[in-house]
PDB file of N, CA and C in Angstrom:
ATOM      1  N   UNK A   1     122.538 100.931 103.653  1.00  0.00           N
ATOM      2  CA  UNK A   1     121.687 100.828 102.264  1.00  0.00           C
ATOM      3  C   UNK A   1     120.217 100.408 103.130  1.00  0.00           C
ATOM      4  N   UNK A   2     120.100  99.313 104.041  1.00  0.00           N
ATOM      5  CA  UNK A   2     119.254  98.518 104.605  1.00  0.00           C
ATOM      6  C   UNK A   2     118.492  99.415 105.403  1.00  0.00           C
ATOM      7  N   UNK A   3     118.845 100.013 106.469  1.00  0.00           N
ATOM      8  CA  UNK A   3     118.341 101.208 107.427  1.00  0.00           C
ATOM      9  C   UNK A   3     117.234 101.924 106.166  1.00  0.00           C
ATOM     10  N   UNK A   4     117.795 102.561 105.097  1.00  0.00           N
ATOM     11  CA  UNK A   4     117.454 103.325 104.110  1.00  0.00           C
ATOM     12  C   UNK A   4     116.236 102.939 103.663  1.00  0.00           C
ATOM     13  N   UNK A   5     116.450 101.748 103.379  1.00  0.00           N
ATOM     14  CA  UNK A   5     114.949 101.067 103.187  1.00  0.00           C
ATOM     15  C   UNK A   5     113.879 100.582 103.755  1.00  0.00           C
ATOM     16  N   UNK A   6     114.328 100.401 104.916  1.00  0.00           N
ATOM     17  CA  UNK A   6     113.286  99.976 106.078  1.00  0.00           C
ATOM     18  C   UNK A   6     112.901 101.479 106.471  1.00  0.00           C
ATOM     19  N   UNK A   7     113.449 102.813 106.827  1.00  0.00           N
ATOM     20  CA  UNK A   7     112.854 104.338 106.657  1.00  0.00           C
ATOM     21  C   UNK A   7     111.952 104.263 105.876  1.00  0.00           C
ATOM     22  N   UNK A   8     111.990 103.942 104.709  1.00  0.00           N
ATOM     23  CA  UNK A   8     111.113 104.258 103.161  1.00  0.00           C
ATOM     24  C   UNK A   8     110.010 103.213 103.605  1.00  0.00           C
ATOM     25  N   UNK A   9     109.987 102.468 103.344  1.00  0.00           N
ATOM     26  CA  UNK A   9     109.414 101.059 103.769  1.00  0.00           C
ATOM     27  C   UNK A   9     108.398 101.557 104.947  1.00  0.00           C
ATOM     28  N   UNK A  10     108.475 101.559 106.086  1.00  0.00           N
ATOM     29  CA  UNK A  10     107.632 102.446 107.303  1.00  0.00           C
ATOM     30  C   UNK A  10     106.751 103.549 106.683  1.00  0.00           C
ATOM     31  N   UNK A  11     107.607 104.514 106.130  1.00  0.00           N
ATOM     32  CA  UNK A  11     107.146 105.894 106.153  1.00  0.00           C
ATOM     33  C   UNK A  11     105.982 105.224 105.031  1.00  0.00           C
ATOM     34  N   UNK A  12     106.149 104.616 103.704  1.00  0.00           N
ATOM     35  CA  UNK A  12     104.721 104.051 102.833  1.00  0.00           C
ATOM     36  C   UNK A  12     103.688 103.503 103.851  1.00  0.00           C
ATOM     37  N   UNK A  13     103.961 102.602 104.996  1.00  0.00           N
ATOM     38  CA  UNK A  13     103.051 101.751 105.534  1.00  0.00           C
ATOM     39  C   UNK A  13     102.403 103.072 106.550  1.00  0.00           C
ATOM     40  N   UNK A  14     103.105 103.491 106.989  1.00  0.00           N
ATOM     41  CA  UNK A  14     102.063 104.853 107.522  1.00  0.00           C
ATOM     42  C   UNK A  14     101.348 105.471 106.966  1.00  0.00           C
ATOM     43  N   UNK A  15     101.627 105.915 105.620  1.00  0.00           N
ATOM     44  CA  UNK A  15     100.670 106.529 104.990  1.00  0.00           C
ATOM     45  C   UNK A  15      99.649 106.258 104.141  1.00  0.00           C
ATOM     46  N   UNK A  16     100.151 105.029 103.890  1.00  0.00           N
ATOM     47  CA  UNK A  16      98.924 103.931 103.188  1.00  0.00           C
ATOM     48  C   UNK A  16      97.686 103.386 104.335  1.00  0.00           C
ATOM     49  N   UNK A  17      98.414 103.240 105.659  1.00  0.00           N
ATOM     50  CA  UNK A  17      97.421 103.122 106.521  1.00  0.00           C
ATOM     51  C   UNK A  17      96.475 104.125 107.333  1.00  0.00           C
ATOM     52  N   UNK A  18      97.242 105.494 106.796  1.00  0.00           N
ATOM     53  CA  UNK A  18      95.467 106.538 106.865  1.00  0.00           C
ATOM     54  C   UNK A  18      94.949 106.949 106.070  1.00  0.00           C
ATOM     55  N   UNK A  19      95.253 106.282 105.001  1.00  0.00           N
ATOM     56  CA  UNK A  19      94.625 106.185 103.401  1.00  0.00           C
ATOM     57  C   UNK A  19      95.419 107.595 102.771  1.00  0.00           C
ATOM     58  N   UNK A  20      96.191 108.045 103.104  1.00  0.00           N
ATOM     59  CA  UNK A  20      96.521 109.163 102.296  1.00  0.00           C
ATOM     60  C   UNK A  20      96.936 108.710 100.401  1.00  0.00           C
ATOM     61  N   UNK A  21      97.114 107.656 100.749  1.00  0.00           N
ATOM     62  CA  UNK A  21      97.237 107.212  99.231  1.00  0.00           C
ATOM     63  C   UNK A  21      95.819 106.835  98.443  1.00  0.00           C
ATOM     64  N   UNK A  22      94.685 107.850  99.176  1.00  0.00           N
ATOM     65  CA  UNK A  22      94.058 107.677  97.970  1.00  0.00           C
ATOM     66  C   UNK A  22      93.623 109.262  97.048  1.00  0.00           C
ATOM     67  N   UNK A  23      94.222 110.076  97.624  1.00  0.00           N
ATOM     68  CA  UNK A  23      94.111 110.928  96.373  1.00  0.00           C
ATOM     69  C   UNK A  23      94.923 110.868  95.925  1.00  0.00           C
ATOM     70  N   UNK A  24      94.709 111.862  94.662  1.00  0.00           N
ATOM     71  CA  UNK A  24      95.183 112.054  93.326  1.00  0.00           C
ATOM     72  C   UNK A  24      96.898 112.937  93.541  1.00  0.00           C
ATOM     73  N   UNK A  25      97.279 113.067  94.377  1.00  0.00           N
ATOM     74  CA  UNK A  25      98.153 114.200  94.687  1.00  0.00           C
ATOM     75  C   UNK A  25      99.305 113.763  95.303  1.00  0.00           C
ATOM     76  N   UNK A  26      98.452 112.864  96.269  1.00  0.00           N
ATOM     77  CA  UNK A  26      99.017 111.768  97.120  1.00  0.00           C
ATOM     78  C   UNK A  26     100.096 110.777  96.112  1.00  0.00           C
ATOM     79  N   UNK A  27      99.329 110.073  95.303  1.00  0.00           N
ATOM     80  CA  UNK A  27      99.333 109.166  94.307  1.00  0.00           C
ATOM     81  C   UNK A  27     100.963 109.468  93.854  1.00  0.00           C
ATOM     82  N   UNK A  28     100.629 110.597  92.764  1.00  0.00           N
ATOM     83  CA  UNK A  28     101.173 111.495  91.931  1.00  0.00           C
ATOM     84  C   UNK A  28     102.821 111.624  92.751  1.00  0.00           C
ATOM     85  N   UNK A  29     102.729 112.372  94.083  1.00  0.00           N
ATOM     86  CA  UNK A  29     104.371 112.204  95.174  1.00  0.00           C
ATOM     87  C   UNK A  29     104.512 110.842  95.424  1.00  0.00           C
ATOM     88  N   UNK A  30     103.884 109.990  95.623  1.00  0.00           N
ATOM     89  CA  UNK A  30     104.398 108.522  95.966  1.00  0.00           C
ATOM     90  C   UNK A  30     104.771 107.876  94.346  1.00  0.00           C
ATOM     91  N   UNK A  31     104.740 108.455  93.536  1.00  0.00           N
ATOM     92  CA  UNK A  31     105.181 107.849  92.134  1.00  0.00           C
ATOM     93  C   UNK A  31     106.439 108.560  91.826  1.00  0.00           C
ATOM     94  N   UNK A  32     106.392 110.138  92.133  1.00  0.00           N
ATOM     95  CA  UNK A  32     107.654 110.759  92.114  1.00  0.00           C
ATOM     96  C   UNK A  32     108.923 110.249  92.838  1.00  0.00           C
ATOM     97  N   UNK A  33     108.387 110.012  94.417  1.00  0.00           N
ATOM     98  CA  UNK A  33     109.202 109.648  94.918  1.00  0.00           C
ATOM     99  C   UNK A  33     110.094 108.025  94.690  1.00  0.00           C
ATOM    100  N   UNK A  34     109.179 107.082  94.140  1.00  0.00           N
ATOM    101  CA  UNK A  34     109.550 106.011  94.052  1.00  0.00           C
ATOM    102  C   UNK A  34     110.110 105.866  93.053  1.00  0.00           C
ATOM    103  N   UNK A  35     110.522 106.159  91.772  1.00  0.00           N
ATOM    104  CA  UNK A  35     110.616 106.689  90.287  1.00  0.00           C
ATOM    105  C   UNK A  35     112.245 107.115  90.910  1.00  0.00           C
ATOM    106  N   UNK A  36     112.291 108.467  91.793  1.00  0.00           N
ATOM    107  CA  UNK A  36     113.609 108.228  92.426  1.00  0.00           C
ATOM    108  C   UNK A  36     114.414 107.631  92.745  1.00  0.00           C
ATOM    109  N   UNK A  37     113.705 106.838  93.875  1.00  0.00           N
ATOM    110  CA  UNK A  37     114.448 105.923  94.783  1.00  0.00           C
ATOM    111  C   UNK A  37     114.845 104.602  94.095  1.00  0.00           C
ATOM    112  N   UNK A  38     114.150 104.400  93.045  1.00  0.00           N
ATOM    113  CA  UNK A  38     114.221 103.177  91.736  1.00  0.00           C
ATOM    114  C   UNK A  38     115.748 103.416  91.180  1.00  0.00           C
ATOM    115  N   UNK A  39     115.638 104.769  90.546  1.00  0.00           N
ATOM    116  CA  UNK A  39     116.354 105.158  89.789  1.00  0.00           C
ATOM    117  C   UNK A  39     118.295 105.090  90.420  1.00  0.00           C
ATOM    118  N   UNK A  40     117.762 105.840  91.838  1.00  0.00           N
ATOM    119  CA  UNK A  40     119.318 106.164  92.347  1.00  0.00           C
ATOM    120  C   UNK A  40     119.872 104.585  93.254  1.00  0.00           C
ATOM    121  N   UNK A  41     118.853 104.103  93.132  1.00  0.00           N
ATOM    122  CA  UNK A  41     119.141 103.141  94.265  1.00  0.00           C
ATOM    123  C   UNK A  41     119.336 101.623  94.260  1.00  0.00           C
ATOM    124  N   UNK A  42     118.749 101.153  92.899  1.00  0.00           N
ATOM    125  CA  UNK A  42     117.754  99.713  92.724  1.00  0.00           C
ATOM    126  C   UNK A  42     117.929  99.380  91.346  1.00  0.00           C
ATOM    127  N   UNK A  43     117.522 100.493  90.136  1.00  0.00           N
ATOM    128  CA  UNK A  43     117.894  99.884  88.538  1.00  0.00           C
ATOM    129  C   UNK A  43     118.960  99.839  88.069  1.00  0.00           C
ATOM    130  N   UNK A  44     119.285  98.334  87.614  1.00  0.00           N
ATOM    131  CA  UNK A  44     120.517  98.665  86.570  1.00  0.00           C
ATOM    132  C   UNK A  44     120.303  99.276  85.438  1.00  0.00           C
ATOM    133  N   UNK A  45     118.951  99.183  85.291  1.00  0.00           N
ATOM    134  CA  UNK A  45     118.887  99.417  83.511  1.00  0.00           C
ATOM    135  C   UNK A  45     118.722 100.927  83.184  1.00  0.00           C
ATOM    136  N   UNK A  46     118.471 101.337  84.388  1.00  0.00           N
ATOM    137  CA  UNK A  46     118.509 103.351  84.724  1.00  0.00           C
ATOM    138  C   UNK A  46     119.633 103.694  83.970  1.00  0.00           C
ATOM    139  N   UNK A  47     120.917 103.414  84.774  1.00  0.00           N
ATOM    140  CA  UNK A  47     121.894 103.849  83.737  1.00  0.00           C
ATOM    141  C   UNK A  47     122.284 103.999  83.013  1.00  0.00           C
ATOM    142  N   UNK A  48     122.403 102.499  82.237  1.00  0.00           N
ATOM    143  CA  UNK A  48     122.665 101.036  81.688  1.00  0.00           C
ATOM    144  C   UNK A  48     122.217 102.686  80.302  1.00  0.00           C
ATOM    145  N   UNK A  49     120.527 102.371  80.125  1.00  0.00           N
ATOM    146  CA  UNK A  49     120.030 103.188  79.361  1.00  0.00           C
ATOM    147  C   UNK A  49     119.994 104.334  78.802  1.00  0.00           C
ATOM    148  N   UNK A  50     120.918 105.283  79.836  1.00  0.00           N
ATOM    149  CA  UNK A  50     120.731 106.680  79.499  1.00  0.00           C
ATOM    150  C   UNK A  50     122.652 106.414  78.932  1.00  0.00           C
ATOM    151  N   UNK A  51     123.016 105.353  79.736  1.00  0.00           N
ATOM    152  CA  UNK A  51     125.081 105.846  79.165  1.00  0.00           C
ATOM    153  C   UNK A  51     125.330 104.772  77.444  1.00  0.00           C
ATOM    154  N   UNK A  52     124.223 103.426  77.217  1.00  0.00           N
ATOM    155  CA  UNK A  52     124.117 102.892  75.995  1.00  0.00           C
ATOM    156  C   UNK A  52     122.783 102.971  75.477  1.00  0.00           C
ATOM    157  N   UNK A  53     122.134 103.776  75.043  1.00  0.00           N
ATOM    158  CA  UNK A  53     120.392 103.748  74.556  1.00  0.00           C
ATOM    159  C   UNK A  53     120.554 102.934  73.034  1.00  0.00           C
ATOM    160  N   UNK A  54     121.705 102.654  72.442  1.00  0.00           N
ATOM    161  CA  UNK A  54     121.822 102.051  71.123  1.00  0.00           C
ATOM    162  C   UNK A  54     121.592 100.729  71.603  1.00  0.00           C
ATOM    163  N   UNK A  55     121.781 100.144  72.706  1.00  0.00           N
ATOM    164  CA  UNK A  55     121.754  98.794  72.850  1.00  0.00           C
ATOM    165  C   UNK A  55     120.126  98.480  72.695  1.00  0.00           C
ATOM    166  N   UNK A  56     119.616  99.286  73.029  1.00  0.00           N
ATOM    167  CA  UNK A  56     118.054  99.362  73.119  1.00  0.00           C
ATOM    168  C   UNK A  56     117.105  99.472  71.861  1.00  0.00           C
ATOM    169  N   UNK A  57     117.970  99.987  71.127  1.00  0.00           N
ATOM    170  CA  UNK A  57     117.290 100.552  70.100  1.00  0.00           C
ATOM    171  C   UNK A  57     116.787  99.279  68.996  1.00  0.00           C
ATOM    172  N   UNK A  58     116.116  99.128  68.169  1.00  0.00           N
ATOM    173  CA  UNK A  58     115.732  98.004  66.929  1.00  0.00           C
ATOM    174  C   UNK A  58     115.391  97.226  67.655  1.00  0.00           C
ATOM    175  N   UNK A  59     115.085  96.552  69.176  1.00  0.00           N
ATOM    176  CA  UNK A  59     114.930  95.687  69.393  1.00  0.00           C
ATOM    177  C   UNK A  59     113.647  95.772  70.385  1.00  0.00           C
ATOM    178  N   UNK A  60     113.476  94.165  70.397  1.00  0.00           N
ATOM    179  CA  UNK A  60     112.077  94.490  71.682  1.00  0.00           C
ATOM    180  C   UNK A  60     112.649  94.329  73.125  1.00  0.00           C
ATOM    181  N   UNK A  61     111.447  94.644  73.822  1.00  0.00           N
ATOM    182  CA  UNK A  61     111.747  94.977  75.147  1.00  0.00           C
ATOM    183  C   UNK A  61     109.866  94.550  75.594  1.00  0.00           C
ATOM    184  N   UNK A  62     110.202  93.475  76.454  1.00  0.00           N
ATOM    185  CA  UNK A  62     109.195  92.393  77.027  1.00  0.00           C
ATOM    186  C   UNK A  62     108.715  92.697  78.768  1.00  0.00           C
ATOM    187  N   UNK A  63     108.871  93.713  79.108  1.00  0.00           N
ATOM    188  CA  UNK A  63     108.256  93.964  80.587  1.00  0.00           C
ATOM    189  C   UNK A  63     107.179  93.069  81.254  1.00  0.00           C
ATOM    190  N   UNK A  64     107.722  92.250  82.171  1.00  0.00           N
ATOM    191  CA  UNK A  64     106.432  91.716  82.948  1.00  0.00           C
ATOM    192  C   UNK A  64     106.335  91.656  84.015  1.00  0.00           C
ATOM    193  N   UNK A  65     105.822  92.843  84.411  1.00  0.00           N
ATOM    194  CA  UNK A  65     105.617  93.452  85.854  1.00  0.00           C
ATOM    195  C   UNK A  65     104.621  93.839  86.563  1.00  0.00           C
ATOM    196  N   UNK A  66     104.244  93.865  87.216  1.00  0.00           N
ATOM    197  CA  UNK A  66     103.056  93.964  88.430  1.00  0.00           C
ATOM    198  C   UNK A  66     103.040  94.886  89.048  1.00  0.00           C
ATOM    199  N   UNK A  67     103.628  96.337  89.230  1.00  0.00           N
ATOM    200  CA  UNK A  67     103.722  97.272  89.498  1.00  0.00           C
ATOM    201  C   UNK A  67     102.843  98.522  89.371  1.00  0.00           C
ATOM    202  N   UNK A  68     104.137  99.797  89.269  1.00  0.00           N
ATOM    203  CA  UNK A  68     103.420 100.729  88.595  1.00  0.00           C
ATOM    204  C   UNK A  68     103.896 101.545  87.227  1.00  0.00           C
ATOM    205  N   UNK A  69     104.722 100.542  86.823  1.00  0.00           N
ATOM    206  CA  UNK A  69     105.023 100.423  85.247  1.00  0.00           C
ATOM    207  C   UNK A  69     106.077 101.688  85.131  1.00  0.00           C
ATOM    208  N   UNK A  70     107.745 101.366  85.886  1.00  0.00           N
ATOM    209  CA  UNK A  70     108.484 101.802  86.206  1.00  0.00           C
ATOM    210  C   UNK A  70     109.104 101.709  85.064  1.00  0.00           C
ATOM    211  N   UNK A  71     109.272 100.602  85.046  1.00  0.00           N
ATOM    212  CA  UNK A  71     110.129  99.887  83.905  1.00  0.00           C
ATOM    213  C   UNK A  71     109.655  99.889  82.539  1.00  0.00           C
ATOM    214  N   UNK A  72     108.762  99.854  82.362  1.00  0.00           N
ATOM    215  CA  UNK A  72     108.300 100.464  81.149  1.00  0.00           C
ATOM    216  C   UNK A  72     108.791 101.526  80.291  1.00  0.00           C
ATOM    217  N   UNK A  73     108.547 102.711  81.678  1.00  0.00           N
ATOM    218  CA  UNK A  73     109.024 103.443  81.010  1.00  0.00           C
ATOM    219  C   UNK A  73     109.918 104.347  81.301  1.00  0.00           C
ATOM    220  N   UNK A  74     111.091 103.581  81.729  1.00  0.00           N
ATOM    221  CA  UNK A  74     112.469 103.551  81.891  1.00  0.00           C
ATOM    222  C   UNK A  74     112.990 103.493  80.156  1.00  0.00           C
ATOM    223  N   UNK A  75     112.496 102.175  79.931  1.00  0.00           N
ATOM    224  CA  UNK A  75     112.783 101.429  78.899  1.00  0.00           C
ATOM    225  C   UNK A  75     112.203 102.318  76.936  1.00  0.00           C
ATOM    226  N   UNK A  76     110.628 102.916  77.535  1.00  0.00           N
ATOM    227  CA  UNK A  76     110.331 103.690  76.654  1.00  0.00           C
ATOM    228  C   UNK A  76     110.786 104.853  76.344  1.00  0.00           C
ATOM    229  N   UNK A  77     111.426 105.480  77.059  1.00  0.00           N
ATOM    230  CA  UNK A  77     112.159 106.757  77.053  1.00  0.00           C
ATOM    231  C   UNK A  77     113.578 106.408  76.350  1.00  0.00           C
ATOM    232  N   UNK A  78     114.024 105.463  76.231  1.00  0.00           N
ATOM    233  CA  UNK A  78     115.040 105.029  75.654  1.00  0.00           C
ATOM    234  C   UNK A  78     114.298 104.742  73.781  1.00  0.00           C
ATOM    235  N   UNK A  79     113.448 103.935  73.633  1.00  0.00           N
ATOM    236  CA  UNK A  79     113.202 103.371  72.599  1.00  0.00           C
ATOM    237  C   UNK A  79     112.562 105.008  71.809  1.00  0.00           C
ATOM    238  N   UNK A  80     112.071 105.535  72.393  1.00  0.00           N
ATOM    239  CA  UNK A  80     111.221 106.929  71.958  1.00  0.00           C
ATOM    240  C   UNK A  80     112.407 107.861  71.165  1.00  0.00           C
ATOM    241  N   UNK A  81     113.270 108.138  71.879  1.00  0.00           N
ATOM    242  CA  UNK A  81     114.534 109.648  71.401  1.00  0.00           C
ATOM    243  C   UNK A  81     115.360 108.701  69.704  1.00  0.00           C
TER     244      UNK A  81
END
């Protein structure tokens, strides 16, 4: 797992260094890959929210983050259902 993370991080750094993340289509592509990575490799809440959505309904969720809104997106999909 650590090797995969290092490869992904190296690719991100290279793409960012040459300025490709300034374009809307590359930002969108990055966001899609980032969400895919988070869902299947890092995020414990994605599977939990899909398997037991009732755990999150009727309550409050406070997302204190400073990234691209991934966690807020995961919980908003559960609450809206």
